[in-house]
Protein backbone atom coordinates (compact mmCIF):
# COMPACT_ATOMS: atom_id res chain seq x y z
CA MET A 1 131.65 101.86 107.03
CA TRP A 2 127.93 101.74 106.21
CA PHE A 3 125.82 101.26 109.31
CA LYS A 4 123.40 98.43 108.90
CA GLN A 5 121.33 99.30 112.01
CA ILE A 6 121.15 102.54 113.99
CA SER A 7 119.87 104.18 117.11
CA PHE A 8 119.96 107.92 116.86
CA TYR A 9 119.98 110.92 119.23
CA PRO A 10 119.40 114.61 118.57
CA ILE A 11 122.27 116.46 120.05
CA ASN A 12 123.20 120.11 120.89
CA ILE A 13 125.92 120.82 118.44
CA ASN A 14 126.61 124.21 120.01
CA GLN A 15 128.12 122.41 122.97
CA LEU A 16 130.57 120.29 120.88
CA PRO A 17 134.20 121.34 120.92
CA GLU A 18 136.28 121.39 117.82
CA ALA A 19 137.54 118.15 116.28
CA ASP A 20 141.04 118.55 117.58
CA THR A 21 139.82 119.08 121.08
CA LEU A 22 137.45 116.08 120.76
CA ALA A 23 140.44 113.88 119.68
CA ASP A 24 142.53 115.06 122.67
CA LYS A 25 139.70 114.23 125.11
CA LEU A 26 139.13 110.77 123.68
CA ASN A 27 142.86 110.00 124.27
CA SER A 28 142.21 109.93 128.08
CA SER A 29 139.63 107.19 127.45
CA GLU A 30 141.60 105.05 124.99
CA PHE A 31 141.07 101.30 125.04
CA ALA A 32 143.69 99.29 127.08
CA PRO A 33 143.99 95.43 127.10
CA ILE A 34 142.45 93.53 130.07
CA THR A 35 144.82 93.18 132.90
CA GLY A 36 145.00 91.26 136.24
CA LEU A 37 141.67 89.91 137.49
CA ASP A 38 139.51 92.20 135.40
CA TRP A 39 136.78 90.55 133.42
CA PHE A 40 136.59 93.19 130.74
CA SER A 41 138.06 96.34 129.36
CA GLU A 42 136.36 99.14 127.38
CA GLY A 43 137.58 102.28 125.69
CA PHE A 44 137.87 104.14 122.51
CA ALA A 45 140.07 102.65 119.59
CA ALA A 46 140.90 103.89 116.14
CA PRO A 47 137.74 103.39 113.97
CA HIS A 48 139.81 102.62 110.83
CA GLY A 49 142.84 100.28 110.42
CA PHE A 50 144.72 102.78 108.10
CA SER A 51 145.02 105.37 110.93
CA PRO A 52 145.86 105.20 114.65
CA GLU A 53 143.71 108.25 115.38
CA LEU A 54 140.75 107.76 117.73
CA LEU A 55 138.62 110.22 115.93
CA PHE A 56 138.07 110.22 112.14
CA PRO A 57 136.75 113.56 110.87
CA ALA A 58 135.20 114.06 107.46
CA ASP A 59 133.84 117.55 106.59
CA PHE A 60 130.86 118.05 108.93
CA THR A 61 131.02 114.61 110.54
CA TRP A 62 133.28 112.57 112.81
CA LEU A 63 133.47 108.83 113.62
CA VAL A 64 134.57 107.09 116.79
CA SER A 65 134.79 103.44 117.83
CA LEU A 66 134.27 101.99 121.27
CA LYS A 67 136.10 98.69 121.75
CA ARG A 68 135.24 96.22 124.38
CA SER A 69 137.17 93.01 125.31
CA ASP A 70 135.59 90.42 127.66
CA LYS A 71 137.32 87.39 129.24
CA VAL A 72 135.70 84.16 128.22
CA LEU A 73 135.66 81.74 131.10
CA PRO A 74 132.87 79.20 130.71
CA ALA A 75 131.03 78.07 133.84
CA SER A 76 131.57 74.44 132.81
CA VAL A 77 135.36 74.88 132.91
CA ILE A 78 135.20 76.37 136.38
CA ARG A 79 132.91 73.63 137.60
CA GLU A 80 135.23 70.94 136.12
CA PHE A 81 138.30 72.30 138.04
CA LEU A 82 136.20 72.78 141.11
CA ASP A 83 134.85 69.20 141.04
CA GLU A 84 138.43 67.95 140.75
CA LYS A 85 139.61 70.01 143.66
CA VAL A 86 136.73 68.95 145.91
CA ALA A 87 137.29 65.32 145.06
CA GLU A 88 141.10 65.71 145.85
CA ILE A 89 140.44 67.30 149.24
CA GLN A 90 137.75 64.66 150.21
CA GLU A 91 140.09 61.78 149.28
CA ASN A 92 143.27 63.29 150.86
CA GLU A 93 141.63 64.65 154.03
CA ASN A 94 138.66 62.25 154.31
CA ARG A 95 136.13 64.99 154.92
CA LYS A 96 133.19 66.70 153.28
CA ILE A 97 133.41 70.09 151.80
CA GLY A 98 130.88 72.61 153.16
CA LYS A 99 129.06 75.17 150.99
CA LYS A 100 131.11 78.11 152.29
CA GLU A 101 134.45 76.42 151.67
CA LYS A 102 133.22 75.36 148.26
CA ASN A 103 132.37 78.95 147.27
CA GLU A 104 135.82 80.06 148.49
CA LEU A 105 137.43 77.33 146.34
CA LYS A 106 135.40 78.47 143.39
CA GLU A 107 136.52 81.99 143.76
CA GLN A 108 140.13 80.96 144.04
CA ILE A 109 139.91 78.71 140.93
CA THR A 110 138.25 81.54 139.03
CA ASP A 111 141.11 83.94 140.01
CA ASP A 112 143.66 81.40 138.96
CA LEU A 113 142.01 80.74 135.61
CA LEU A 114 141.17 84.31 134.69
CA PRO A 115 144.56 85.52 133.57
CA ARG A 116 144.80 82.57 131.20
CA ALA A 117 141.23 82.91 129.75
CA PHE A 118 140.62 83.80 126.11
CA THR A 119 139.39 87.26 125.26
CA ARG A 120 136.51 88.25 122.93
CA SER A 121 136.37 91.71 121.44
CA SER A 122 133.62 93.72 119.83
CA ARG A 123 133.26 97.25 118.35
CA LEU A 124 130.57 99.85 118.52
CA TYR A 125 130.68 102.83 116.23
CA ALA A 126 129.15 106.24 116.50
CA LEU A 127 128.88 108.86 113.80
CA CYS A 128 128.18 112.43 114.56
CA ASP A 129 126.54 114.83 112.08
CA THR A 130 127.41 118.28 113.23
CA ARG A 131 125.43 119.93 110.37
CA HIS A 132 122.06 118.37 111.35
CA GLY A 133 122.66 117.70 114.95
CA PHE A 134 122.41 113.86 115.05
CA LEU A 135 124.53 111.15 116.70
CA PHE A 136 124.13 107.80 115.05
CA VAL A 137 125.13 104.58 116.86
CA ASN A 138 125.42 101.42 114.75
CA HIS A 139 123.17 99.33 116.95
CA ALA A 140 119.43 99.02 117.45
CA SER A 141 119.76 97.84 121.09
CA ALA A 142 118.76 100.68 123.47
CA ASN A 143 121.31 99.44 126.07
CA LYS A 144 124.21 99.25 123.58
CA ALA A 145 123.49 102.67 122.10
CA GLU A 146 123.05 104.32 125.53
CA ASN A 147 126.38 102.82 126.69
CA MET A 148 128.05 104.65 123.77
CA VAL A 149 126.42 107.93 124.72
CA VAL A 150 127.45 107.54 128.36
CA LYS A 151 131.10 106.72 127.36
CA LEU A 152 131.15 109.78 125.04
CA ARG A 153 129.77 111.91 127.82
CA GLU A 154 132.54 110.68 130.21
CA ALA A 155 135.27 111.20 127.65
CA LEU A 156 134.16 114.57 126.42
CA GLY A 157 133.14 115.98 129.77
CA GLY A 158 129.45 116.17 128.66
CA LEU A 159 127.30 115.61 125.71
CA GLU A 160 123.75 116.93 125.39
CA ALA A 161 121.97 114.02 123.64
CA LYS A 162 118.42 112.91 124.08
CA LEU A 163 116.12 110.23 122.80
CA PRO A 164 114.08 111.12 119.73
CA HIS A 165 110.46 111.86 120.70
CA THR A 166 108.03 113.01 118.02
CA LYS A 167 104.40 114.21 118.32
CA GLN A 168 103.17 111.07 116.64
CA SER A 169 104.61 107.72 117.34
CA PRO A 170 106.31 105.72 114.58
CA SER A 171 103.88 102.86 115.29
CA ALA A 172 100.77 105.14 114.68
CA LEU A 173 102.32 106.58 111.42
CA MET A 174 103.19 103.04 110.13
CA THR A 175 99.69 101.84 110.91
CA GLU A 176 98.24 104.71 108.98
CA TRP A 177 100.48 104.08 105.99
CA LEU A 178 99.51 100.40 105.97
CA ALA A 179 95.86 101.17 106.19
CA ALA A 180 96.19 103.68 103.26
CA GLY A 181 98.13 101.19 101.27
CA ALA A 182 100.91 103.70 100.59
CA ALA A 183 103.51 105.74 102.46
CA ALA A 184 103.91 109.48 101.92
CA GLY A 185 106.51 111.84 100.64
CA GLY A 186 109.76 110.25 99.60
CA PHE A 187 108.83 106.95 101.34
CA GLU A 188 107.47 103.76 99.77
CA LEU A 189 106.16 100.62 101.43
CA ASP A 190 108.53 97.67 101.06
CA SER A 191 107.65 94.04 101.65
CA ASP A 192 108.08 93.40 105.34
CA CYS A 193 106.12 94.28 108.45
CA GLU A 194 105.24 93.21 111.94
CA LEU A 195 101.85 93.69 113.63
CA ARG A 196 101.05 93.38 117.31
CA GLY A 197 97.84 92.96 119.11
CA SER A 198 96.94 94.24 122.61
CA GLY A 199 95.84 92.64 125.91
CA ASP A 200 97.48 90.29 128.40
CA VAL A 201 98.55 87.84 125.67
CA VAL A 202 99.99 89.86 122.83
CA SER A 203 99.58 88.20 119.38
CA VAL A 204 102.24 88.95 116.77
CA VAL A 205 102.00 88.58 113.03
CA LYS A 206 105.10 88.80 110.87
CA VAL A 207 104.92 89.41 107.20
CA ALA A 208 108.03 88.92 104.96
CA LYS A 209 108.57 89.46 101.27
CA GLN A 210 104.80 90.13 100.55
CA ASP A 211 102.76 92.87 99.08
CA LEU A 212 101.78 94.95 102.11
CA THR A 213 98.64 96.27 100.40
CA ALA A 214 97.17 92.71 100.07
CA ASP A 215 93.89 92.08 101.97
CA GLU A 216 95.42 89.24 103.98
CA VAL A 217 97.94 91.75 105.42
CA THR A 218 95.62 94.81 106.05
CA GLN A 219 92.84 92.70 107.50
CA HIS A 220 94.97 92.38 110.68
CA LEU A 221 94.35 96.13 111.27
CA LYS A 222 90.56 95.30 111.57
CA THR A 223 91.21 93.11 114.54
CA GLY A 224 92.91 95.97 116.40
CA LYS A 225 96.53 95.21 115.54
CA THR A 226 99.06 97.95 115.08
CA VAL A 227 102.30 98.01 113.16
CA SER A 228 105.37 97.63 115.28
CA GLN A 229 107.92 97.29 112.39
CA MET A 230 107.71 98.12 108.68
CA GLY A 231 110.01 97.91 105.73
CA LEU A 232 110.32 101.20 103.83
CA VAL A 233 112.37 102.59 100.94
CA TRP A 234 113.36 106.31 100.97
CA ARG A 235 113.95 108.07 97.59
CA GLU A 236 115.37 104.95 96.01
CA GLN A 237 118.48 105.49 98.17
CA ILE A 238 117.89 103.62 101.40
CA ALA A 239 115.88 100.47 102.24
CA PHE A 240 115.28 99.82 105.93
CA ILE A 241 113.07 98.43 108.71
CA LEU A 242 111.53 101.15 110.90
CA THR A 243 110.67 100.07 114.46
CA ALA A 244 108.12 101.33 116.96
CA ASP A 245 110.90 102.75 119.16
CA PHE A 246 112.38 104.77 116.31
CA THR A 247 115.39 102.61 115.55
CA PHE A 248 116.31 101.38 112.04
CA LYS A 249 117.21 97.74 111.20
CA ARG A 250 118.50 95.91 108.10
CA ILE A 251 119.56 99.18 106.36
CA GLN A 252 120.61 98.81 102.76
CA TYR A 253 122.22 101.64 100.94
CA LEU A 254 121.14 101.24 97.39
CA ASP A 255 123.34 101.57 94.26
CA VAL A 256 123.04 105.30 93.93
CA LEU A 257 124.81 106.00 97.18
CA GLN A 258 127.40 103.23 96.71
CA GLU A 259 128.28 104.62 93.24
CA GLN A 260 128.63 108.17 94.65
CA ALA A 261 131.13 106.95 97.20
CA GLU A 262 133.14 105.06 94.63
CA GLN A 263 133.36 108.20 92.50
CA HIS A 264 135.02 110.15 95.30
CA GLY A 265 137.33 107.53 96.64
CA ASP A 266 140.20 105.59 95.10
CA ASP A 267 141.93 104.43 98.30
CA ALA A 268 140.91 103.33 101.78
CA PRO A 269 141.11 106.90 103.50
CA SER A 270 139.32 108.73 100.69
CA MET A 271 136.66 106.02 100.39
CA ALA A 272 136.04 106.11 104.12
CA PHE A 273 135.86 109.86 103.91
CA ALA A 274 133.25 109.86 101.11
CA GLU A 275 131.17 107.03 102.60
CA GLN A 276 131.08 108.81 105.98
CA ILE A 277 129.72 112.03 104.49
CA LEU A 278 127.23 110.36 102.29
CA MET A 279 125.92 108.14 105.01
CA ALA A 280 125.48 111.02 107.48
CA GLU A 281 123.83 113.29 104.95
CA SER A 282 121.48 110.75 103.67
CA LEU A 283 120.46 109.32 107.05
CA SER A 284 119.98 112.82 108.43
CA GLN A 285 117.83 113.98 105.46
CA MET A 286 115.72 110.74 105.67
CA ILE A 287 115.17 111.15 109.40
CA LEU A 288 114.25 114.81 109.08
CA GLU A 289 111.58 114.00 106.38
CA LEU A 290 110.31 111.15 108.59
CA VAL A 291 110.05 113.56 111.58
CA GLU A 292 107.91 115.91 109.39
CA HIS A 293 105.44 113.11 108.78
CA LEU A 294 105.47 112.37 112.49
CA GLY A 295 104.33 115.84 113.29
CA GLY A 296 107.74 117.24 114.33
CA TRP A 297 109.61 116.87 117.59
CA GLN A 298 107.80 116.67 120.87
CA GLU A 299 108.41 119.65 123.05
CA ASP A 300 110.31 118.97 126.32
């Protein structure tokens, strides 16, 4: 269960109940299949197939999964049934169908087709590190991540989580590192970055699999561009893309972490247990070091 992209939230761990209480609270928000004329259903489901439990605890961490199912009813299908119905009425009753009646027919056809529509399901995972006070959501979309936070707040009766704001912006730090030709501390420049200009028409330059210290890359800084995404490697453990809004994409957990997990797990539950702890610890330590380079947390 290695997250390949994350949004994260600093949380108040003092307000979190114990794991058993958390699990009980989640039960009231358990996923249920779509019924009747509903278009979708959303709720918490077991994060692992080997256990029916809605919360998977591992030492100082816990993992949850938010499942969503949507009815798939293409507009083209509705339109096809509607056209057939309109043609049938016009032929049998020898009259034209007005806009209002056509809309009513469309609603009726939609209601008739909805119970027979296919469903499409997706999962969103959240990992909580109660030692360092972070909630990780395995998605870089702000809307997706915020939906997970909202659902957890509703299920748990409250969750003090906030967006990460540092004294220096990630974009400013990445631009400094690119200009210097090197990152600082445990971070190293990788081979990808994106630079953006300013003004009414924003120019974008994407660099992939290239030496970021090359003149052809750094010369874009001289024209006023700033870095909006950058590939970095942390302590030879994690490679990732850092974004200007402090999310992480294309995360790769390098061999050292993978091997540690394999040493501690010989079946699915024990492997999941080890991976969860290692992922939380490494991500938290990486972010805490990055926050230091960003000048610390911005005071509220």
